[in-house]
């Protein structure tokens, strides 16, 4: 069993696809976090602006 694990660790063939997948997943997670944070900030800004505007017909 230890020979199989050692062979998998030392095997460099095909390692690029999983690595690219992990990098893409990390980038996607960062983008989601950034968009969520930015969306919250933009939403609160619009809510603030809306609260400062007069109501129609007043």
Protein backbone atom coordinates (compact mmCIF):
# COMPACT_ATOMS: atom_id res chain seq x y z
CA UNK A 1 0.00 0.00 0.00
CA UNK A 2 2.84 2.39 0.81
CA UNK A 3 4.35 1.76 -2.63
CA UNK A 4 1.11 2.89 -4.30
CA UNK A 5 0.97 6.08 -2.23
CA UNK A 6 4.64 6.81 -2.90
CA UNK A 7 4.10 6.28 -6.62
CA UNK A 8 1.10 8.66 -6.61
CA UNK A 9 3.06 11.32 -4.75
CA UNK A 10 6.02 11.09 -7.13
CA UNK A 11 3.88 10.89 -10.27
CA UNK A 12 3.96 14.24 -12.07
CA UNK A 13 1.89 13.23 -15.09
CA UNK A 14 -1.56 14.74 -15.22
CA UNK A 15 -0.94 16.90 -12.19
CA UNK A 16 -1.61 20.10 -14.09
CA UNK A 17 -5.35 19.59 -14.56
CA UNK A 18 -6.14 19.26 -10.83
CA UNK A 19 -3.82 22.15 -10.08
CA UNK A 20 -5.58 24.34 -12.63
CA UNK A 21 -8.90 23.27 -11.16
CA UNK A 22 -7.80 24.28 -7.66
CA UNK A 23 -6.52 27.62 -8.92
CA UNK A 24 -9.79 28.27 -10.76
CA UNK A 25 -11.80 27.36 -7.65
CA UNK A 26 -9.70 29.71 -5.53
CA UNK A 27 -10.11 32.56 -8.01
CA UNK A 28 -13.87 31.94 -8.15
CA UNK A 29 -14.10 32.02 -4.34
CA UNK A 30 -12.22 35.33 -4.23
CA UNK A 31 -14.48 36.80 -6.92
CA UNK A 32 -17.62 35.68 -5.07
CA UNK A 33 -16.35 37.19 -1.82
CA UNK A 34 -15.43 40.47 -3.52
CA UNK A 35 -18.76 40.77 -5.34
CA UNK A 36 -20.66 39.98 -2.14
CA UNK A 37 -18.76 42.64 -0.18
CA UNK A 38 -19.12 45.18 -2.96
CA UNK A 39 -22.81 44.39 -3.39
CA UNK A 40 -23.45 44.98 0.30
CA UNK A 41 -21.63 48.32 0.17
CA UNK A 42 -23.50 49.44 -2.97
CA UNK A 43 -26.83 48.38 -1.48
CA UNK A 44 -26.22 50.35 1.70
CA UNK A 45 -25.16 53.39 -0.35
CA UNK A 46 -28.36 53.28 -2.40
CA UNK A 47 -30.42 52.85 0.77
CA UNK A 48 -28.75 55.92 2.27
CA UNK A 49 -29.40 57.96 -0.88
CA UNK A 50 -33.01 56.78 -0.95
CA UNK A 51 -33.55 57.82 2.66
CA UNK A 52 -32.27 61.34 1.89
CA UNK A 53 -34.53 61.91 -1.13
CA UNK A 54 -37.89 63.58 -0.62
CA UNK A 55 -41.01 61.53 -1.16
CA UNK A 56 -43.05 62.37 -4.27
CA UNK A 57 -45.97 64.73 -3.68
CA UNK A 58 -44.53 66.25 -0.52
